N, C-alpha and C. Protein backbone atom coordinates (compact mmCIF):
# COMPACT_ATOMS: atom_id res chain seq x y z
N MET A 1 -13.64 7.62 -27.33
CA MET A 1 -12.46 8.13 -26.65
C MET A 1 -11.53 6.97 -26.27
N GLN A 2 -12.10 5.87 -25.74
CA GLN A 2 -11.28 4.72 -25.36
C GLN A 2 -10.55 4.15 -26.58
N ARG A 3 -11.24 4.13 -27.70
CA ARG A 3 -10.65 3.60 -28.94
C ARG A 3 -9.45 4.44 -29.37
N ARG A 4 -9.57 5.76 -29.27
CA ARG A 4 -8.48 6.65 -29.66
C ARG A 4 -7.27 6.45 -28.75
N ILE A 5 -7.52 6.27 -27.46
CA ILE A 5 -6.42 6.03 -26.50
C ILE A 5 -5.73 4.71 -26.82
N ALA A 6 -6.52 3.68 -27.07
CA ALA A 6 -5.95 2.37 -27.39
C ALA A 6 -5.15 2.42 -28.69
N ASP A 7 -5.66 3.11 -29.70
CA ASP A 7 -4.93 3.24 -30.97
C ASP A 7 -3.61 3.98 -30.78
N SER A 8 -3.65 5.05 -30.00
CA SER A 8 -2.43 5.82 -29.74
C SER A 8 -1.40 4.98 -28.99
N ALA A 9 -1.84 4.22 -27.99
CA ALA A 9 -0.93 3.37 -27.24
C ALA A 9 -0.33 2.30 -28.15
N TYR A 10 -1.14 1.75 -29.03
CA TYR A 10 -0.65 0.72 -29.96
C TYR A 10 0.41 1.29 -30.89
N ARG A 11 0.14 2.48 -31.46
CA ARG A 11 1.11 3.11 -32.37
C ARG A 11 2.42 3.43 -31.64
N THR A 12 2.32 3.92 -30.42
CA THR A 12 3.51 4.23 -29.64
C THR A 12 4.32 2.97 -29.37
N GLN A 13 3.66 1.90 -28.98
CA GLN A 13 4.37 0.65 -28.71
C GLN A 13 5.02 0.11 -29.98
N GLN A 14 4.36 0.26 -31.12
CA GLN A 14 4.94 -0.19 -32.39
C GLN A 14 6.22 0.60 -32.70
N ARG A 15 6.20 1.91 -32.46
CA ARG A 15 7.40 2.73 -32.69
C ARG A 15 8.53 2.33 -31.75
N ILE A 16 8.20 2.05 -30.49
CA ILE A 16 9.23 1.65 -29.52
C ILE A 16 9.85 0.32 -29.94
N GLU A 17 9.01 -0.63 -30.29
CA GLU A 17 9.53 -1.94 -30.69
C GLU A 17 10.28 -1.88 -32.01
N GLY A 18 9.90 -0.96 -32.88
CA GLY A 18 10.59 -0.80 -34.15
C GLY A 18 11.89 -0.04 -34.05
N GLY A 19 12.12 0.63 -32.92
CA GLY A 19 13.36 1.35 -32.71
C GLY A 19 13.30 2.81 -33.10
N SER A 20 12.18 3.28 -33.64
CA SER A 20 12.11 4.69 -34.03
C SER A 20 11.76 5.60 -32.85
N ALA A 21 11.36 5.02 -31.75
CA ALA A 21 11.07 5.79 -30.54
C ALA A 21 11.56 4.98 -29.35
N ARG A 22 11.78 5.66 -28.24
CA ARG A 22 12.16 4.93 -27.03
C ARG A 22 11.38 5.48 -25.84
N ARG A 23 11.33 4.67 -24.82
CA ARG A 23 10.59 5.08 -23.63
C ARG A 23 11.37 6.15 -22.90
N ARG A 24 10.65 7.08 -22.35
CA ARG A 24 11.30 8.16 -21.61
C ARG A 24 11.89 7.61 -20.32
N GLY A 25 13.07 8.10 -19.99
CA GLY A 25 13.70 7.74 -18.74
C GLY A 25 14.38 6.39 -18.75
N ARG A 26 14.49 5.77 -19.91
CA ARG A 26 15.14 4.47 -19.99
C ARG A 26 16.30 4.53 -20.97
N GLU A 27 17.38 3.96 -20.55
CA GLU A 27 18.54 3.88 -21.42
C GLU A 27 18.41 2.65 -22.30
N PRO A 28 18.82 2.76 -23.54
CA PRO A 28 18.76 1.56 -24.39
C PRO A 28 19.74 0.50 -23.89
N VAL A 29 19.32 -0.75 -23.94
CA VAL A 29 20.16 -1.86 -23.50
C VAL A 29 20.88 -2.40 -24.72
N PRO A 30 22.23 -2.48 -24.66
CA PRO A 30 22.97 -3.01 -25.81
C PRO A 30 22.53 -4.44 -26.13
N ASP A 31 22.52 -4.76 -27.41
CA ASP A 31 22.12 -6.10 -27.83
C ASP A 31 23.02 -7.15 -27.20
N GLY A 32 22.40 -8.24 -26.79
CA GLY A 32 23.15 -9.34 -26.21
C GLY A 32 23.37 -9.24 -24.72
N ARG A 33 23.17 -8.09 -24.15
CA ARG A 33 23.37 -7.93 -22.70
C ARG A 33 22.09 -8.31 -21.97
N VAL A 34 22.22 -9.11 -20.98
CA VAL A 34 21.06 -9.54 -20.21
C VAL A 34 21.25 -9.07 -18.77
N ASP A 35 20.29 -8.34 -18.27
CA ASP A 35 20.33 -7.93 -16.87
C ASP A 35 19.87 -9.11 -16.02
N THR A 36 20.63 -9.43 -15.00
CA THR A 36 20.24 -10.52 -14.12
C THR A 36 19.88 -9.96 -12.76
N VAL A 37 18.96 -10.62 -12.13
CA VAL A 37 18.54 -10.22 -10.79
C VAL A 37 18.99 -11.32 -9.83
N GLU A 38 19.71 -10.92 -8.83
CA GLU A 38 20.18 -11.90 -7.85
C GLU A 38 19.04 -12.23 -6.91
N ILE A 39 18.75 -13.51 -6.77
CA ILE A 39 17.68 -13.96 -5.89
C ILE A 39 18.28 -14.34 -4.56
N VAL A 40 17.76 -13.75 -3.51
CA VAL A 40 18.25 -14.04 -2.17
C VAL A 40 17.40 -15.16 -1.59
N LYS A 41 18.06 -16.21 -1.13
CA LYS A 41 17.36 -17.33 -0.53
C LYS A 41 17.54 -17.26 0.98
N ILE A 42 16.44 -17.36 1.68
CA ILE A 42 16.44 -17.26 3.13
C ILE A 42 16.29 -18.67 3.71
N GLY A 43 17.14 -19.01 4.66
CA GLY A 43 17.08 -20.32 5.29
C GLY A 43 16.01 -20.39 6.36
N PRO A 44 15.68 -21.58 6.81
CA PRO A 44 14.65 -21.77 7.84
C PRO A 44 14.95 -21.02 9.14
N LYS A 45 16.22 -20.94 9.50
CA LYS A 45 16.61 -20.23 10.73
C LYS A 45 16.22 -18.76 10.65
N HIS A 46 16.49 -18.14 9.51
CA HIS A 46 16.15 -16.73 9.34
C HIS A 46 14.64 -16.53 9.20
N GLN A 47 13.97 -17.49 8.60
CA GLN A 47 12.51 -17.41 8.49
C GLN A 47 11.88 -17.41 9.88
N ASP A 48 12.34 -18.29 10.75
CA ASP A 48 11.80 -18.37 12.11
C ASP A 48 12.04 -17.06 12.87
N ALA A 49 13.23 -16.49 12.70
CA ALA A 49 13.53 -15.22 13.37
C ALA A 49 12.64 -14.11 12.83
N GLN A 50 12.39 -14.11 11.53
CA GLN A 50 11.55 -13.08 10.93
C GLN A 50 10.10 -13.21 11.43
N VAL A 51 9.60 -14.43 11.51
CA VAL A 51 8.23 -14.67 12.00
C VAL A 51 8.10 -14.22 13.45
N ALA A 52 9.10 -14.55 14.28
CA ALA A 52 9.06 -14.14 15.68
C ALA A 52 9.07 -12.62 15.81
N GLY A 53 9.91 -11.96 15.02
CA GLY A 53 9.94 -10.50 15.05
C GLY A 53 8.64 -9.89 14.59
N LEU A 54 8.04 -10.48 13.58
CA LEU A 54 6.76 -9.98 13.09
C LEU A 54 5.66 -10.15 14.13
N ARG A 55 5.68 -11.27 14.84
CA ARG A 55 4.67 -11.48 15.91
C ARG A 55 4.83 -10.44 17.01
N ARG A 56 6.08 -10.13 17.38
CA ARG A 56 6.31 -9.10 18.41
C ARG A 56 5.79 -7.74 17.92
N LEU A 57 6.07 -7.44 16.65
CA LEU A 57 5.63 -6.18 16.07
C LEU A 57 4.10 -6.09 16.05
N ARG A 58 3.42 -7.17 15.64
CA ARG A 58 1.97 -7.18 15.60
C ARG A 58 1.38 -7.01 16.99
N ALA A 59 2.02 -7.62 18.00
CA ALA A 59 1.53 -7.50 19.37
C ALA A 59 1.63 -6.05 19.85
N SER A 60 2.72 -5.36 19.49
CA SER A 60 2.86 -3.96 19.91
C SER A 60 1.86 -3.08 19.17
N ALA A 61 1.55 -3.41 17.92
CA ALA A 61 0.56 -2.62 17.19
C ALA A 61 -0.83 -2.83 17.78
N THR A 62 -1.13 -4.07 18.19
CA THR A 62 -2.42 -4.35 18.80
C THR A 62 -2.54 -3.61 20.13
N ALA A 63 -1.43 -3.53 20.87
CA ALA A 63 -1.43 -2.81 22.14
C ALA A 63 -1.72 -1.33 21.92
N CYS A 64 -1.33 -0.80 20.78
CA CYS A 64 -1.58 0.61 20.47
C CYS A 64 -3.07 0.90 20.45
N TRP A 65 -3.86 -0.05 19.93
CA TRP A 65 -5.31 0.18 19.86
C TRP A 65 -5.95 0.12 21.24
N SER A 66 -5.42 -0.71 22.13
CA SER A 66 -6.04 -0.85 23.44
C SER A 66 -5.59 0.22 24.42
N SER A 67 -4.42 0.79 24.21
CA SER A 67 -3.98 1.87 25.09
C SER A 67 -3.46 3.00 24.21
N GLY A 68 -4.14 4.09 24.21
CA GLY A 68 -3.67 5.19 23.37
C GLY A 68 -4.81 6.06 22.91
N ALA A 69 -4.66 6.59 21.73
CA ALA A 69 -5.57 7.62 21.24
C ALA A 69 -6.96 7.11 20.92
N TRP A 70 -7.15 5.81 20.78
CA TRP A 70 -8.47 5.30 20.38
C TRP A 70 -9.28 4.83 21.57
N THR A 71 -8.84 5.12 22.78
CA THR A 71 -9.59 4.68 23.95
C THR A 71 -10.03 5.90 24.75
N GLY A 72 -10.98 5.68 25.62
CA GLY A 72 -11.44 6.73 26.53
C GLY A 72 -11.94 7.97 25.84
N SER A 73 -11.66 9.11 26.43
CA SER A 73 -12.18 10.37 25.90
C SER A 73 -11.48 10.80 24.62
N LYS A 74 -10.30 10.21 24.33
CA LYS A 74 -9.58 10.60 23.12
C LYS A 74 -10.12 9.92 21.86
N ARG A 75 -10.98 8.90 22.01
CA ARG A 75 -11.47 8.16 20.86
C ARG A 75 -12.34 9.08 20.00
N PRO A 76 -12.00 9.25 18.72
CA PRO A 76 -12.82 10.11 17.86
C PRO A 76 -14.22 9.54 17.71
N ARG A 77 -15.21 10.38 17.92
CA ARG A 77 -16.58 9.91 17.83
C ARG A 77 -17.37 10.60 16.74
N ALA A 78 -16.85 11.64 16.17
CA ALA A 78 -17.60 12.38 15.16
C ALA A 78 -16.67 12.86 14.07
N ALA A 79 -17.26 13.23 12.96
CA ALA A 79 -16.48 13.68 11.81
C ALA A 79 -15.75 14.98 12.10
N ARG A 80 -16.20 15.72 13.12
CA ARG A 80 -15.58 17.02 13.40
C ARG A 80 -14.25 16.89 14.13
N GLU A 81 -13.99 15.75 14.71
CA GLU A 81 -12.77 15.58 15.50
C GLU A 81 -11.58 15.27 14.60
N ASN A 82 -10.42 15.74 15.01
CA ASN A 82 -9.20 15.55 14.24
C ASN A 82 -8.70 14.12 14.39
N LEU A 83 -8.62 13.42 13.28
CA LEU A 83 -8.18 12.02 13.29
C LEU A 83 -6.69 11.87 13.00
N MET A 84 -6.03 12.94 12.61
CA MET A 84 -4.64 12.84 12.20
C MET A 84 -3.73 12.31 13.32
N PHE A 85 -3.89 12.84 14.51
CA PHE A 85 -3.00 12.45 15.60
C PHE A 85 -3.21 11.01 16.05
N PRO A 86 -4.47 10.55 16.23
CA PRO A 86 -4.63 9.14 16.58
C PRO A 86 -4.13 8.20 15.48
N LEU A 87 -4.35 8.57 14.22
CA LEU A 87 -3.88 7.73 13.13
C LEU A 87 -2.36 7.72 13.05
N LYS A 88 -1.74 8.88 13.27
CA LYS A 88 -0.27 8.94 13.27
C LYS A 88 0.31 8.05 14.36
N GLU A 89 -0.31 8.08 15.53
CA GLU A 89 0.15 7.26 16.64
C GLU A 89 0.01 5.78 16.31
N ALA A 90 -1.11 5.41 15.73
CA ALA A 90 -1.34 4.01 15.37
C ALA A 90 -0.36 3.55 14.30
N LEU A 91 -0.15 4.37 13.28
CA LEU A 91 0.78 3.99 12.21
C LEU A 91 2.22 3.94 12.71
N ALA A 92 2.57 4.80 13.65
CA ALA A 92 3.92 4.76 14.22
C ALA A 92 4.13 3.47 15.00
N ALA A 93 3.04 2.88 15.52
CA ALA A 93 3.13 1.61 16.24
C ALA A 93 2.94 0.43 15.29
N TYR A 94 3.03 0.71 13.96
CA TYR A 94 2.96 -0.31 12.92
C TYR A 94 1.58 -0.95 12.79
N ALA A 95 0.53 -0.20 13.08
CA ALA A 95 -0.81 -0.70 12.77
C ALA A 95 -0.94 -0.73 11.25
N THR A 96 -1.70 -1.67 10.74
CA THR A 96 -1.85 -1.78 9.30
C THR A 96 -2.92 -0.80 8.81
N ILE A 97 -2.91 -0.55 7.51
CA ILE A 97 -3.93 0.31 6.92
C ILE A 97 -5.31 -0.31 7.14
N GLY A 98 -5.39 -1.63 7.03
CA GLY A 98 -6.67 -2.32 7.25
C GLY A 98 -7.20 -2.09 8.65
N GLU A 99 -6.31 -2.15 9.65
CA GLU A 99 -6.73 -1.90 11.03
C GLU A 99 -7.21 -0.46 11.20
N CYS A 100 -6.50 0.47 10.59
CA CYS A 100 -6.92 1.88 10.66
C CYS A 100 -8.28 2.05 10.00
N CYS A 101 -8.47 1.43 8.85
CA CYS A 101 -9.76 1.53 8.16
C CYS A 101 -10.88 0.94 8.99
N ASP A 102 -10.61 -0.18 9.68
CA ASP A 102 -11.63 -0.78 10.54
C ASP A 102 -12.04 0.19 11.64
N ARG A 103 -11.05 0.88 12.23
CA ARG A 103 -11.36 1.86 13.28
C ARG A 103 -12.18 3.02 12.71
N LEU A 104 -11.82 3.47 11.52
CA LEU A 104 -12.55 4.58 10.91
C LEU A 104 -13.98 4.16 10.57
N ARG A 105 -14.15 2.90 10.14
CA ARG A 105 -15.51 2.41 9.89
C ARG A 105 -16.33 2.43 11.18
N GLY A 106 -15.67 2.15 12.31
CA GLY A 106 -16.37 2.19 13.59
C GLY A 106 -16.84 3.59 13.95
N VAL A 107 -16.12 4.61 13.50
CA VAL A 107 -16.48 6.00 13.78
C VAL A 107 -17.50 6.51 12.76
N PHE A 108 -17.25 6.27 11.48
CA PHE A 108 -18.06 6.87 10.43
C PHE A 108 -19.06 5.92 9.80
N GLY A 109 -18.89 4.62 9.98
CA GLY A 109 -19.72 3.66 9.27
C GLY A 109 -19.12 3.39 7.89
N GLU A 110 -19.81 2.58 7.12
CA GLU A 110 -19.34 2.22 5.78
C GLU A 110 -20.26 2.80 4.75
N TYR A 111 -19.68 3.35 3.69
CA TYR A 111 -20.46 3.97 2.63
C TYR A 111 -21.27 2.91 1.88
N GLN A 112 -22.54 3.18 1.71
CA GLN A 112 -23.41 2.34 0.90
C GLN A 112 -23.97 3.19 -0.22
N PRO A 113 -23.68 2.85 -1.46
CA PRO A 113 -24.20 3.66 -2.55
C PRO A 113 -25.72 3.62 -2.58
N PRO A 114 -26.36 4.71 -3.01
CA PRO A 114 -27.82 4.73 -3.04
C PRO A 114 -28.34 3.74 -4.08
N ASP A 115 -29.50 3.20 -3.81
CA ASP A 115 -30.14 2.27 -4.74
C ASP A 115 -30.72 3.06 -5.89
N ILE A 116 -30.24 2.79 -7.10
CA ILE A 116 -30.65 3.58 -8.28
C ILE A 116 -31.88 3.00 -8.95
N SER A 117 -32.15 1.74 -8.73
CA SER A 117 -33.28 1.11 -9.44
C SER A 117 -34.62 1.59 -9.04
């Protein structure tokens, strides 16, 4: 099955490169025209401002975990409890997916595949 998929992809790419087929959703680019991408360069002043803003944002996201839906009686302790609202609150406070996953691992544990040998 993998071989048939690879052969089909190869034939399709050959037709595209040969001009007898084109990719869906793409307009042909006239010969000689080169699309350029403008690169934005950020100065040290703007970098420092961005880092400071990111630190403030991270601090507010960390505060979300210490005060909010994951503390006290609202902390989900079992699979039966609704996790949507605490997760929505955390994500609205810019918690990362990794932080959310860490909290979920604390509630559910981490999956370990069974030993097959």
